[in-house]
Structures are given as C-alpha cells and as structure tokens.
C-alpha cells in the first residue's frame, strides 16, 4: 500500500493482545520495515505522563492508539475511577501530543461500551449519543467516548486528521485469561478447561444468561483498523464488528461443548448481566473502507481454546 511508504508509525498497546496482531499484519502484509514501527511498552513508558506522550510521538507520521486499561464486569465495578482516569488521560494527552508534533493521522480506538444501555439493535453509529451507557462499564465507556469528542473538535479547529473506531468485544489466541481482568470468552474458556482438567462437576457463571453479545476475532479487528487507517478520513465514528449476536447462555453452552466440559453450569443471578443486548450495524465499515469480518465464530473459538490449552501445557499461564 502506497499509504505506508516511508511513514513512521506509533502503535500504543502494540505489544498487547490486539496490538501484537496489528503490528504483525503491518510487517507481514503491508511490508513495513519493523524499524519504522515504534511500540512503547507500558512497563517502560507510562502514557499517563505528558512528557512520555511527547517523547512517544517524536518524528511519527501515524499514531494508532490501542493502549487501554480494560477488564470484565467485575473489574469495571471494582476499579471505575482507575478505568476512567487512565483511559481518558492517556488518550487525551496522546492526541494533543500528536497534534503538536504535526502527526499526519491519529487513529483512536473506542469501545462498544460507549453506546447507551438501551440502544436499538443493531447499534448504528448515529445512536451513540442517545442515552447513558450501561452502569457497570460507563466510566470506561465514557472515558473512551471523549476521544471521539476530542477527535472531532481537533478536526474542526486544527484540521487534524483523527478518526474514531468502535470495535465490538474481541477474542482470540493471546487474549488475557486472568480471571479478574479477562472478558467473557477467555474467562469462560479458562473456567471450563480448568474444571475439565481437574474433574470438577460444576462451573459458576455470572448473570442470567439472557443478554446477547457480539464478538470479533482479533485478526479481523486488526485488519479493520489497518484498512480504516489507510482509507478513512472522516469525523464520523465507525463500528467494527461481525454483525452477529449470540445469547450468553448459548455462548456458555457452545464453549462447554468445544472444551469438552461435561459438568453442571450454575448461573449466579446475584451478579450483573451488563448491557442487555449488543450487536453492531457494520455496514458503514464495509462501505467506507471495505471491511467485512471473515472468521467463523466456532472456528475462532476453537483456535482460542487450543491456544489456551497449549499455553497451560507449556506452563505459560
């Protein structure tokens, strides 16, 4: 792609779950020299500090801001202030530092959690401001949503080319399987594989099983972000998803089947369900930059399960 010719790229969160796939795709499929990709590591550089953001964008042409503090419903309930502050301050400072450095393009990654609690399904981008987000993840969702406000304001006042993407829940190999921080798919895979391996007869799952969710395979998400970086230059937010929803109870049963877990599933209805339904209208991404998810959900789950089982065998987790 001629878009990338001679460009220096900063990928915050580039060593993380989504970032590692995105960087690999840039190198392998866009033929970018790894020396032209800068990846600040969170253990070395704290992007909550202004001077570190300034250093990170020096001589950079394109910023893809993936770095985020994230977790599941339990983590969101336990650390709402941390999730709000860390995500807001990182994003706001990164965009301002990039603007001051005259970076050519800034790609801000938002979150499905920014949508109102009772958004009509499928979620359309124009419904983003029609209500307050679901309470358990509102601080995180609103912190990330402020980057859309910032991107549009910077485009209006400075002519700064910032775009904003709204990916749905991601899953795939290399995901975070820590029970406190993980999202629903890795948490369920871990619980069921571990219960199967230990011969345990029951697994406890949060909520009622009635909400629905949509999931996007991580490699598909990386491709969508790259395509948007190459081709999309407008102020309006764009959904990235697969356009299909699954009820939580069906997801739990499917993961039980694929992991070979044969025990009982106990629903802890004292725990919150989160947002009632999630499913995106993905037509804008296809129209604007030709993105359509390719990975079959069952196939993606099997790849994720196999990766987790191998990581356990090799003592990596």
C-alpha atoms as a PDB file:
ATOM      1  CA  UNK A   1       0.000   0.000   0.000  1.00  0.00           C
ATOM      2  CA  UNK A   2       1.424   3.359  -1.028  1.00  0.00           C
ATOM      3  CA  UNK A   3      -0.182   4.893   2.075  1.00  0.00           C
ATOM      4  CA  UNK A   4       2.541   3.398   4.271  1.00  0.00           C
ATOM      5  CA  UNK A   5       5.510   4.337   2.085  1.00  0.00           C
ATOM      6  CA  UNK A   6       8.218   5.984   4.171  1.00  0.00           C
ATOM      7  CA  UNK A   7       5.929   6.500   7.158  1.00  0.00           C
ATOM      8  CA  UNK A   8       6.942   6.072  10.770  1.00  0.00           C
ATOM      9  CA  UNK A   9       4.141   4.527  12.827  1.00  0.00           C
ATOM     10  CA  UNK A  10       3.476   4.617  16.563  1.00  0.00           C
ATOM     11  CA  UNK A  11       1.293   1.786  17.896  1.00  0.00           C
ATOM     12  CA  UNK A  12       0.453   2.318  21.562  1.00  0.00           C
ATOM     13  CA  UNK A  13      -0.513  -1.001  23.073  1.00  0.00           C
ATOM     14  CA  UNK A  14       1.417  -2.616  20.215  1.00  0.00           C
ATOM     15  CA  UNK A  15       2.731  -5.387  22.460  1.00  0.00           C
ATOM     16  CA  UNK A  16      -0.750  -6.215  23.775  1.00  0.00           C
ATOM     17  CA  UNK A  17      -3.473  -8.576  22.595  1.00  0.00           C
ATOM     18  CA  UNK A  18      -4.867  -6.625  19.621  1.00  0.00           C
ATOM     19  CA  UNK A  19      -1.672  -4.644  19.069  1.00  0.00           C
ATOM     20  CA  UNK A  20       0.537  -7.685  18.538  1.00  0.00           C
ATOM     21  CA  UNK A  21      -1.686  -8.877  15.672  1.00  0.00           C
ATOM     22  CA  UNK A  22      -1.889  -5.417  14.153  1.00  0.00           C
ATOM     23  CA  UNK A  23       1.895  -4.985  14.184  1.00  0.00           C
ATOM     24  CA  UNK A  24       2.406  -8.453  12.668  1.00  0.00           C
ATOM     25  CA  UNK A  25      -0.049  -7.609   9.877  1.00  0.00           C
ATOM     26  CA  UNK A  26       1.701  -4.320   9.145  1.00  0.00           C
ATOM     27  CA  UNK A  27       5.038  -6.107   8.811  1.00  0.00           C
ATOM     28  CA  UNK A  28       3.835  -9.246   7.016  1.00  0.00           C
ATOM     29  CA  UNK A  29       1.020  -7.957   4.789  1.00  0.00           C
ATOM     30  CA  UNK A  30       1.896  -4.272   4.300  1.00  0.00           C
ATOM     31  CA  UNK A  31       5.663  -4.907   4.029  1.00  0.00           C
ATOM     32  CA  UNK A  32       6.552  -2.283   6.617  1.00  0.00           C
ATOM     33  CA  UNK A  33      10.072  -2.328   7.970  1.00  0.00           C
ATOM     34  CA  UNK A  34       9.857  -3.150  11.712  1.00  0.00           C
ATOM     35  CA  UNK A  35      12.308  -0.301  12.325  1.00  0.00           C
ATOM     36  CA  UNK A  36       9.565   2.113  11.203  1.00  0.00           C
ATOM     37  CA  UNK A  37       7.133   0.901  13.885  1.00  0.00           C
ATOM     38  CA  UNK A  38       7.506   2.300  17.401  1.00  0.00           C
ATOM     39  CA  UNK A  39       5.895   0.333  20.241  1.00  0.00           C
ATOM     40  CA  UNK A  40       6.069   1.978  23.685  1.00  0.00           C
ATOM     41  CA  UNK A  41       5.890  -0.690  26.406  1.00  0.00           C
ATOM     42  CA  UNK A  42       3.701   0.110  29.416  1.00  0.00           C
ATOM     43  CA  UNK A  43       6.331  -1.301  31.799  1.00  0.00           C
ATOM     44  CA  UNK A  44       8.858   1.212  30.406  1.00  0.00           C
ATOM     45  CA  UNK A  45       6.718   4.224  29.438  1.00  0.00           C
ATOM     46  CA  UNK A  46       3.712   5.473  31.413  1.00  0.00           C
ATOM     47  CA  UNK A  47       1.451   7.252  28.890  1.00  0.00           C
ATOM     48  CA  UNK A  48      -0.472   8.887  31.732  1.00  0.00           C
ATOM     49  CA  UNK A  49       2.507  11.269  31.979  1.00  0.00           C
ATOM     50  CA  UNK A  50       2.532  14.123  29.486  1.00  0.00           C
ATOM     51  CA  UNK A  51       6.273  14.159  28.810  1.00  0.00           C
ATOM     52  CA  UNK A  52       6.181  10.464  27.848  1.00  0.00           C
ATOM     53  CA  UNK A  53       3.432  11.130  25.293  1.00  0.00           C
ATOM     54  CA  UNK A  54       5.518  13.948  23.814  1.00  0.00           C
ATOM     55  CA  UNK A  55       8.549  11.638  23.536  1.00  0.00           C
ATOM     56  CA  UNK A  56       6.474   8.822  22.027  1.00  0.00           C
ATOM     57  CA  UNK A  57       5.221  10.883  19.048  1.00  0.00           C
ATOM     58  CA  UNK A  58       8.585  12.440  18.093  1.00  0.00           C
ATOM     59  CA  UNK A  59       9.129  12.100  14.295  1.00  0.00           C
ATOM     60  CA  UNK A  60       5.979   9.966  13.927  1.00  0.00           C
ATOM     61  CA  UNK A  61       3.630  10.166  10.901  1.00  0.00           C
ATOM     62  CA  UNK A  62       0.761   7.886  12.003  1.00  0.00           C
ATOM     63  CA  UNK A  63      -0.461   7.104  15.534  1.00  0.00           C
ATOM     64  CA  UNK A  64      -2.679   4.065  16.163  1.00  0.00           C
ATOM     65  CA  UNK A  65      -3.770   4.415  19.778  1.00  0.00           C
ATOM     66  CA  UNK A  66      -4.689   0.967  21.107  1.00  0.00           C
ATOM     67  CA  UNK A  67      -3.337   1.294  24.659  1.00  0.00           C
ATOM     68  CA  UNK A  68      -6.125   0.929  27.217  1.00  0.00           C
ATOM     69  CA  UNK A  69      -6.860  -0.265  30.738  1.00  0.00           C
ATOM     70  CA  UNK A  70      -9.640  -2.853  30.381  1.00  0.00           C
ATOM     71  CA  UNK A  71     -11.447  -5.648  32.239  1.00  0.00           C
ATOM     72  CA  UNK A  72     -14.691  -7.547  32.562  1.00  0.00           C
ATOM     73  CA  UNK A  73     -17.813  -6.587  34.541  1.00  0.00           C
ATOM     74  CA  UNK A  74     -16.233  -7.409  37.926  1.00  0.00           C
ATOM     75  CA  UNK A  75     -13.123  -5.349  37.187  1.00  0.00           C
ATOM     76  CA  UNK A  76     -15.280  -2.453  35.938  1.00  0.00           C
ATOM     77  CA  UNK A  77     -17.250  -2.478  39.186  1.00  0.00           C
ATOM     78  CA  UNK A  78     -14.151  -2.666  41.367  1.00  0.00           C
ATOM     79  CA  UNK A  79     -11.994  -0.034  39.634  1.00  0.00           C
ATOM     80  CA  UNK A  80     -14.315   2.504  37.911  1.00  0.00           C
ATOM     81  CA  UNK A  81     -12.140   5.508  38.810  1.00  0.00           C
ATOM     82  CA  UNK A  82      -8.940   3.867  37.553  1.00  0.00           C
ATOM     83  CA  UNK A  83     -10.612   2.884  34.290  1.00  0.00           C
ATOM     84  CA  UNK A  84     -11.985   6.378  33.775  1.00  0.00           C
ATOM     85  CA  UNK A  85      -8.805   8.282  34.609  1.00  0.00           C
ATOM     86  CA  UNK A  86      -6.235   6.039  32.923  1.00  0.00           C
ATOM     87  CA  UNK A  87      -8.133   5.730  29.644  1.00  0.00           C
ATOM     88  CA  UNK A  88      -9.153   9.386  29.445  1.00  0.00           C
ATOM     89  CA  UNK A  89      -5.755  10.832  30.340  1.00  0.00           C
ATOM     90  CA  UNK A  90      -3.793   8.511  28.030  1.00  0.00           C
ATOM     91  CA  UNK A  91      -5.989   9.220  25.023  1.00  0.00           C
ATOM     92  CA  UNK A  92      -6.375  12.963  25.528  1.00  0.00           C
ATOM     93  CA  UNK A  93      -2.648  13.511  26.028  1.00  0.00           C
ATOM     94  CA  UNK A  94      -1.639  11.241  23.148  1.00  0.00           C
ATOM     95  CA  UNK A  95      -3.890  13.104  20.723  1.00  0.00           C
ATOM     96  CA  UNK A  96      -2.722  16.525  21.918  1.00  0.00           C
ATOM     97  CA  UNK A  97       0.944  15.476  21.731  1.00  0.00           C
ATOM     98  CA  UNK A  98       0.345  14.108  18.215  1.00  0.00           C
ATOM     99  CA  UNK A  99      -1.308  17.361  17.146  1.00  0.00           C
ATOM    100  CA  UNK A 100       1.582  19.430  18.486  1.00  0.00           C
ATOM    101  CA  UNK A 101       4.012  17.171  16.619  1.00  0.00           C
ATOM    102  CA  UNK A 102       2.012  17.626  13.369  1.00  0.00           C
ATOM    103  CA  UNK A 103       1.350  13.901  13.047  1.00  0.00           C
ATOM    104  CA  UNK A 104      -0.425  13.180   9.737  1.00  0.00           C
ATOM    105  CA  UNK A 105      -3.096  10.836  11.116  1.00  0.00           C
ATOM    106  CA  UNK A 106      -4.357   9.694  14.503  1.00  0.00           C
ATOM    107  CA  UNK A 107      -6.472   6.539  14.837  1.00  0.00           C
ATOM    108  CA  UNK A 108      -8.391   6.429  18.130  1.00  0.00           C
ATOM    109  CA  UNK A 109      -9.874   3.111  19.211  1.00  0.00           C
ATOM    110  CA  UNK A 110     -13.111   3.460  21.142  1.00  0.00           C
ATOM    111  CA  UNK A 111     -15.313   0.780  22.658  1.00  0.00           C
ATOM    112  CA  UNK A 112     -18.748  -0.795  22.321  1.00  0.00           C
ATOM    113  CA  UNK A 113     -19.211   0.204  25.994  1.00  0.00           C
ATOM    114  CA  UNK A 114     -19.688   3.801  24.817  1.00  0.00           C
ATOM    115  CA  UNK A 115     -23.149   3.002  23.428  1.00  0.00           C
ATOM    116  CA  UNK A 116     -26.265   3.760  25.507  1.00  0.00           C
ATOM    117  CA  UNK A 117     -27.587   0.933  27.683  1.00  0.00           C
ATOM    118  CA  UNK A 118     -30.759   0.534  25.649  1.00  0.00           C
ATOM    119  CA  UNK A 119     -29.520   1.129  22.110  1.00  0.00           C
ATOM    120  CA  UNK A 120     -31.788  -0.261  19.357  1.00  0.00           C
ATOM    121  CA  UNK A 121     -30.248  -3.396  17.822  1.00  0.00           C
ATOM    122  CA  UNK A 122     -28.258  -3.449  15.617  1.00  0.00           C
ATOM    123  CA  UNK A 123     -26.304  -0.494  17.033  1.00  0.00           C
ATOM    124  CA  UNK A 124     -25.950   2.274  14.467  1.00  0.00           C
ATOM    125  CA  UNK A 125     -23.267   4.925  14.841  1.00  0.00           C
ATOM    126  CA  UNK A 126     -25.856   7.721  14.871  1.00  0.00           C
ATOM    127  CA  UNK A 127     -27.364   6.269  18.088  1.00  0.00           C
ATOM    128  CA  UNK A 128     -24.137   6.720  20.047  1.00  0.00           C
ATOM    129  CA  UNK A 129     -25.353   9.784  21.980  1.00  0.00           C
ATOM    130  CA  UNK A 130     -28.967   8.723  22.605  1.00  0.00           C
ATOM    131  CA  UNK A 131     -28.582   7.804  26.284  1.00  0.00           C
ATOM    132  CA  UNK A 132     -26.235   6.868  29.124  1.00  0.00           C
ATOM    133  CA  UNK A 133     -24.057   3.728  28.876  1.00  0.00           C
ATOM    134  CA  UNK A 134     -24.727   0.586  30.917  1.00  0.00           C
ATOM    135  CA  UNK A 135     -23.791   1.465  34.500  1.00  0.00           C
ATOM    136  CA  UNK A 136     -21.165  -1.222  35.182  1.00  0.00           C
ATOM    137  CA  UNK A 137     -18.928  -0.045  32.335  1.00  0.00           C
ATOM    138  CA  UNK A 138     -19.991   3.621  31.971  1.00  0.00           C
ATOM    139  CA  UNK A 139     -16.776   5.169  33.405  1.00  0.00           C
ATOM    140  CA  UNK A 140     -14.649   3.186  30.931  1.00  0.00           C
ATOM    141  CA  UNK A 141     -17.049   3.727  28.038  1.00  0.00           C
ATOM    142  CA  UNK A 142     -17.354   7.477  28.611  1.00  0.00           C
ATOM    143  CA  UNK A 143     -13.586   7.939  29.011  1.00  0.00           C
ATOM    144  CA  UNK A 144     -13.068   6.354  25.601  1.00  0.00           C
ATOM    145  CA  UNK A 145     -16.028   8.278  24.140  1.00  0.00           C
ATOM    146  CA  UNK A 146     -14.319  11.568  24.997  1.00  0.00           C
ATOM    147  CA  UNK A 147     -11.690  10.710  22.377  1.00  0.00           C
ATOM    148  CA  UNK A 148     -14.423  10.969  19.728  1.00  0.00           C
ATOM    149  CA  UNK A 149     -15.346  14.445  21.004  1.00  0.00           C
ATOM    150  CA  UNK A 150     -11.664  15.390  21.003  1.00  0.00           C
ATOM    151  CA  UNK A 151     -11.056  13.974  17.512  1.00  0.00           C
ATOM    152  CA  UNK A 152     -13.995  15.896  16.052  1.00  0.00           C
ATOM    153  CA  UNK A 153     -13.063  19.118  17.865  1.00  0.00           C
ATOM    154  CA  UNK A 154      -9.448  18.855  16.712  1.00  0.00           C
ATOM    155  CA  UNK A 155     -10.551  18.246  13.126  1.00  0.00           C
ATOM    156  CA  UNK A 156     -12.838  21.299  13.275  1.00  0.00           C
ATOM    157  CA  UNK A 157     -10.362  23.703  14.905  1.00  0.00           C
ATOM    158  CA  UNK A 158      -6.982  22.436  13.714  1.00  0.00           C
ATOM    159  CA  UNK A 159      -7.759  20.381  10.597  1.00  0.00           C
ATOM    160  CA  UNK A 160      -6.209  17.446  12.464  1.00  0.00           C
ATOM    161  CA  UNK A 161      -6.902  14.092  10.762  1.00  0.00           C
ATOM    162  CA  UNK A 162      -8.147  11.978  13.675  1.00  0.00           C
ATOM    163  CA  UNK A 163     -10.585   9.094  13.152  1.00  0.00           C
ATOM    164  CA  UNK A 164     -12.536   7.077  15.714  1.00  0.00           C
ATOM    165  CA  UNK A 165     -13.377   3.362  15.514  1.00  0.00           C
ATOM    166  CA  UNK A 166     -15.808   1.393  17.706  1.00  0.00           C
ATOM    167  CA  UNK A 167     -14.775  -2.271  17.909  1.00  0.00           C
ATOM    168  CA  UNK A 168     -17.095  -4.806  19.494  1.00  0.00           C
ATOM    169  CA  UNK A 169     -15.799  -7.337  22.081  1.00  0.00           C
ATOM    170  CA  UNK A 170     -12.654  -9.024  20.758  1.00  0.00           C
ATOM    171  CA  UNK A 171     -11.486 -12.606  21.294  1.00  0.00           C
ATOM    172  CA  UNK A 172      -8.745 -14.930  20.054  1.00  0.00           C
ATOM    173  CA  UNK A 173      -5.398 -16.520  20.916  1.00  0.00           C
ATOM    174  CA  UNK A 174      -3.137 -14.439  23.234  1.00  0.00           C
ATOM    175  CA  UNK A 175      -6.160 -12.899  24.965  1.00  0.00           C
ATOM    176  CA  UNK A 176      -5.976 -12.105  28.689  1.00  0.00           C
ATOM    177  CA  UNK A 177      -7.077 -15.201  30.632  1.00  0.00           C
ATOM    178  CA  UNK A 178      -6.612 -13.731  34.107  1.00  0.00           C
ATOM    179  CA  UNK A 179      -9.985 -14.229  35.831  1.00  0.00           C
ATOM    180  CA  UNK A 180     -10.060 -10.761  37.416  1.00  0.00           C
ATOM    181  CA  UNK A 181      -9.194  -8.820  34.257  1.00  0.00           C
ATOM    182  CA  UNK A 182     -10.482 -11.011  31.432  1.00  0.00           C
ATOM    183  CA  UNK A 183     -13.569 -10.562  29.286  1.00  0.00           C
ATOM    184  CA  UNK A 184     -16.304 -13.163  28.943  1.00  0.00           C
ATOM    185  CA  UNK A 185     -14.832 -15.560  26.333  1.00  0.00           C
ATOM    186  CA  UNK A 186     -11.372 -16.054  27.876  1.00  0.00           C
ATOM    187  CA  UNK A 187     -12.940 -16.238  31.358  1.00  0.00           C
ATOM    188  CA  UNK A 188     -15.351 -18.978  30.255  1.00  0.00           C
ATOM    189  CA  UNK A 189     -12.656 -20.905  28.390  1.00  0.00           C
ATOM    190  CA  UNK A 190     -10.393 -20.820  31.420  1.00  0.00           C
ATOM    191  CA  UNK A 191     -13.148 -21.890  33.825  1.00  0.00           C
ATOM    192  CA  UNK A 192     -14.278 -24.786  31.649  1.00  0.00           C
ATOM    193  CA  UNK A 193     -10.875 -26.095  30.588  1.00  0.00           C
ATOM    194  CA  UNK A 194      -9.633 -25.916  34.184  1.00  0.00           C
ATOM    195  CA  UNK A 195     -12.797 -27.637  35.505  1.00  0.00           C
ATOM    196  CA  UNK A 196     -12.472 -30.348  32.840  1.00  0.00           C
ATOM    197  CA  UNK A 197      -8.814 -30.929  33.641  1.00  0.00           C
ATOM    198  CA  UNK A 198      -9.479 -31.120  37.395  1.00  0.00           C
ATOM    199  CA  UNK A 199     -12.629 -33.248  37.062  1.00  0.00           C
ATOM    200  CA  UNK A 200     -14.777 -30.614  38.721  1.00  0.00           C
ATOM    201  CA  UNK A 201     -18.541 -31.130  38.414  1.00  0.00           C
ATOM    202  CA  UNK A 202     -19.754 -27.532  38.248  1.00  0.00           C
ATOM    203  CA  UNK A 203     -18.823 -24.146  36.861  1.00  0.00           C
ATOM    204  CA  UNK A 204     -20.359 -20.892  38.152  1.00  0.00           C
ATOM    205  CA  UNK A 205     -21.212 -18.252  35.543  1.00  0.00           C
ATOM    206  CA  UNK A 206     -22.308 -14.667  36.235  1.00  0.00           C
ATOM    207  CA  UNK A 207     -25.806 -13.382  35.449  1.00  0.00           C
ATOM    208  CA  UNK A 208     -28.929 -14.889  33.924  1.00  0.00           C
ATOM    209  CA  UNK A 209     -27.603 -15.921  30.513  1.00  0.00           C
ATOM    210  CA  UNK A 210     -30.212 -13.772  28.766  1.00  0.00           C
ATOM    211  CA  UNK A 211     -28.099 -10.866  27.432  1.00  0.00           C
ATOM    212  CA  UNK A 212     -26.652 -11.106  23.952  1.00  0.00           C
ATOM    213  CA  UNK A 213     -23.154 -10.213  22.809  1.00  0.00           C
ATOM    214  CA  UNK A 214     -21.284  -9.852  19.549  1.00  0.00           C
ATOM    215  CA  UNK A 215     -17.658 -10.895  19.154  1.00  0.00           C
ATOM    216  CA  UNK A 216     -14.977 -10.046  16.611  1.00  0.00           C
ATOM    217  CA  UNK A 217     -11.935 -12.259  16.057  1.00  0.00           C
ATOM    218  CA  UNK A 218      -8.781 -10.324  16.888  1.00  0.00           C
ATOM    219  CA  UNK A 219      -7.125 -10.775  13.478  1.00  0.00           C
ATOM    220  CA  UNK A 220     -10.240  -9.431  11.777  1.00  0.00           C
ATOM    221  CA  UNK A 221     -10.202  -6.425  14.117  1.00  0.00           C
ATOM    222  CA  UNK A 222      -6.549  -5.731  13.273  1.00  0.00           C
ATOM    223  CA  UNK A 223      -7.345  -5.810   9.548  1.00  0.00           C
ATOM    224  CA  UNK A 224     -10.306  -3.451  10.036  1.00  0.00           C
ATOM    225  CA  UNK A 225      -8.141  -0.929  11.880  1.00  0.00           C
ATOM    226  CA  UNK A 226      -5.438  -1.084   9.200  1.00  0.00           C
ATOM    227  CA  UNK A 227      -7.976  -0.591   6.397  1.00  0.00           C
ATOM    228  CA  UNK A 228      -9.501   2.385   8.203  1.00  0.00           C
ATOM    229  CA  UNK A 229      -6.047   3.871   8.731  1.00  0.00           C
ATOM    230  CA  UNK A 230      -5.352   3.566   5.013  1.00  0.00           C
ATOM    231  CA  UNK A 231      -8.701   4.699   3.620  1.00  0.00           C
ATOM    232  CA  UNK A 232     -10.932   6.531   6.120  1.00  0.00           C
ATOM    233  CA  UNK A 233     -10.581  10.265   6.770  1.00  0.00           C
ATOM    234  CA  UNK A 234     -13.928  11.489   8.114  1.00  0.00           C
ATOM    235  CA  UNK A 235     -15.135  12.797  11.506  1.00  0.00           C
ATOM    236  CA  UNK A 236     -17.937  10.247  11.995  1.00  0.00           C
ATOM    237  CA  UNK A 237     -17.303   7.181  14.203  1.00  0.00           C
ATOM    238  CA  UNK A 238     -17.331   3.739  12.567  1.00  0.00           C
ATOM    239  CA  UNK A 239     -18.340   0.376  14.066  1.00  0.00           C
ATOM    240  CA  UNK A 240     -16.032  -2.625  13.696  1.00  0.00           C
ATOM    241  CA  UNK A 241     -17.798  -5.928  14.251  1.00  0.00           C
ATOM    242  CA  UNK A 242     -19.054  -9.176  12.798  1.00  0.00           C
ATOM    243  CA  UNK A 243     -22.721  -8.127  12.745  1.00  0.00           C
ATOM    244  CA  UNK A 244     -23.966 -11.253  14.562  1.00  0.00           C
ATOM    245  CA  UNK A 245     -25.137 -11.656  18.162  1.00  0.00           C
ATOM    246  CA  UNK A 246     -25.282 -14.671  20.462  1.00  0.00           C
ATOM    247  CA  UNK A 247     -27.088 -15.064  23.795  1.00  0.00           C
ATOM    248  CA  UNK A 248     -24.775 -15.553  26.751  1.00  0.00           C
ATOM    249  CA  UNK A 249     -26.406 -18.894  27.641  1.00  0.00           C
ATOM    250  CA  UNK A 250     -25.802 -20.141  24.068  1.00  0.00           C
ATOM    251  CA  UNK A 251     -22.205 -18.919  24.231  1.00  0.00           C
ATOM    252  CA  UNK A 252     -21.664 -20.767  27.533  1.00  0.00           C
ATOM    253  CA  UNK A 253     -23.118 -23.976  26.104  1.00  0.00           C
ATOM    254  CA  UNK A 254     -21.013 -23.668  22.951  1.00  0.00           C
ATOM    255  CA  UNK A 255     -17.776 -23.183  24.917  1.00  0.00           C
ATOM    256  CA  UNK A 256     -18.711 -26.137  27.150  1.00  0.00           C
ATOM    257  CA  UNK A 257     -19.168 -28.256  24.028  1.00  0.00           C
ATOM    258  CA  UNK A 258     -15.924 -27.130  22.372  1.00  0.00           C
ATOM    259  CA  UNK A 259     -13.830 -27.568  25.535  1.00  0.00           C
ATOM    260  CA  UNK A 260     -15.373 -30.964  26.335  1.00  0.00           C
ATOM    261  CA  UNK A 261     -16.675 -29.789  29.711  1.00  0.00           C
ATOM    262  CA  UNK A 262     -19.491 -32.145  30.753  1.00  0.00           C
ATOM    263  CA  UNK A 263     -20.358 -30.819  34.234  1.00  0.00           C
ATOM    264  CA  UNK A 264     -23.142 -28.608  35.511  1.00  0.00           C
ATOM    265  CA  UNK A 265     -23.377 -24.872  34.760  1.00  0.00           C
ATOM    266  CA  UNK A 266     -24.612 -22.762  37.711  1.00  0.00           C
ATOM    267  CA  UNK A 267     -25.956 -19.276  36.931  1.00  0.00           C
ATOM    268  CA  UNK A 268     -25.207 -16.788  39.715  1.00  0.00           C
ATOM    269  CA  UNK A 269     -28.122 -14.403  39.184  1.00  0.00           C
ATOM    270  CA  UNK A 270     -26.948 -12.162  42.037  1.00  0.00           C
ATOM    271  CA  UNK A 271     -24.239 -10.939  39.640  1.00  0.00           C
ATOM    272  CA  UNK A 272     -24.984  -8.286  36.985  1.00  0.00           C
ATOM    273  CA  UNK A 273     -25.758  -9.114  33.360  1.00  0.00           C
ATOM    274  CA  UNK A 274     -24.296  -5.918  31.937  1.00  0.00           C
ATOM    275  CA  UNK A 275     -25.829  -4.405  28.812  1.00  0.00           C
ATOM    276  CA  UNK A 276     -28.998  -6.293  27.699  1.00  0.00           C
ATOM    277  CA  UNK A 277     -28.018  -6.685  24.031  1.00  0.00           C
ATOM    278  CA  UNK A 278     -25.033  -5.922  21.856  1.00  0.00           C
ATOM    279  CA  UNK A 279     -24.903  -6.243  18.105  1.00  0.00           C
ATOM    280  CA  UNK A 280     -23.483  -3.741  15.641  1.00  0.00           C
ATOM    281  CA  UNK A 281     -24.608  -2.461  12.288  1.00  0.00           C
ATOM    282  CA  UNK A 282     -21.344  -2.944  10.377  1.00  0.00           C
ATOM    283  CA  UNK A 283     -22.457  -1.558   7.007  1.00  0.00           C
ATOM    284  CA  UNK A 284     -20.535   1.734   7.319  1.00  0.00           C
ATOM    285  CA  UNK A 285     -17.154  -0.012   7.693  1.00  0.00           C
ATOM    286  CA  UNK A 286     -17.822  -2.064   4.575  1.00  0.00           C
ATOM    287  CA  UNK A 287     -18.985   0.961   2.593  1.00  0.00           C
ATOM    288  CA  UNK A 288     -16.244   3.374   3.717  1.00  0.00           C
ATOM    289  CA  UNK A 289     -13.157   1.168   3.708  1.00  0.00           C
ATOM    290  CA  UNK A 290     -14.181  -2.314   2.566  1.00  0.00           C
ATOM    291  CA  UNK A 291     -14.019  -4.114   5.893  1.00  0.00           C
ATOM    292  CA  UNK A 292     -16.015  -7.281   6.496  1.00  0.00           C
ATOM    293  CA  UNK A 293     -15.216  -9.838   9.204  1.00  0.00           C
ATOM    294  CA  UNK A 294     -14.110 -13.205   7.796  1.00  0.00           C
ATOM    295  CA  UNK A 295     -13.542 -15.595  10.707  1.00  0.00           C
ATOM    296  CA  UNK A 296     -16.290 -18.110  11.533  1.00  0.00           C
ATOM    297  CA  UNK A 297     -17.185 -17.800  15.231  1.00  0.00           C
ATOM    298  CA  UNK A 298     -16.932 -21.508  16.017  1.00  0.00           C
ATOM    299  CA  UNK A 299     -13.574 -21.740  14.224  1.00  0.00           C
ATOM    300  CA  UNK A 300     -12.275 -18.668  16.073  1.00  0.00           C
ATOM    301  CA  UNK A 301     -13.339 -20.146  19.412  1.00  0.00           C
ATOM    302  CA  UNK A 302     -11.549 -23.430  18.656  1.00  0.00           C
ATOM    303  CA  UNK A 303      -8.325 -21.559  17.816  1.00  0.00           C
ATOM    304  CA  UNK A 304      -8.614 -19.650  21.090  1.00  0.00           C
ATOM    305  CA  UNK A 305      -9.281 -22.801  23.136  1.00  0.00           C
ATOM    306  CA  UNK A 306      -6.349 -24.645  21.533  1.00  0.00           C
ATOM    307  CA  UNK A 307      -4.049 -21.708  22.241  1.00  0.00           C
ATOM    308  CA  UNK A 308      -5.102 -21.643  25.912  1.00  0.00           C
ATOM    309  CA  UNK A 309      -4.671 -25.419  26.306  1.00  0.00           C
ATOM    310  CA  UNK A 310      -1.205 -25.259  24.740  1.00  0.00           C
ATOM    311  CA  UNK A 311      -0.217 -22.314  26.936  1.00  0.00           C
ATOM    312  CA  UNK A 312      -1.303 -24.292  30.025  1.00  0.00           C
ATOM    313  CA  UNK A 313       0.670 -27.371  28.900  1.00  0.00           C
ATOM    314  CA  UNK A 314       3.788 -25.271  28.328  1.00  0.00           C
ATOM    315  CA  UNK A 315       3.426 -23.522  31.687  1.00  0.00           C
ATOM    316  CA  UNK A 316       2.994 -20.093  30.110  1.00  0.00           C
ATOM    317  CA  UNK A 317      -0.171 -19.321  32.079  1.00  0.00           C
END
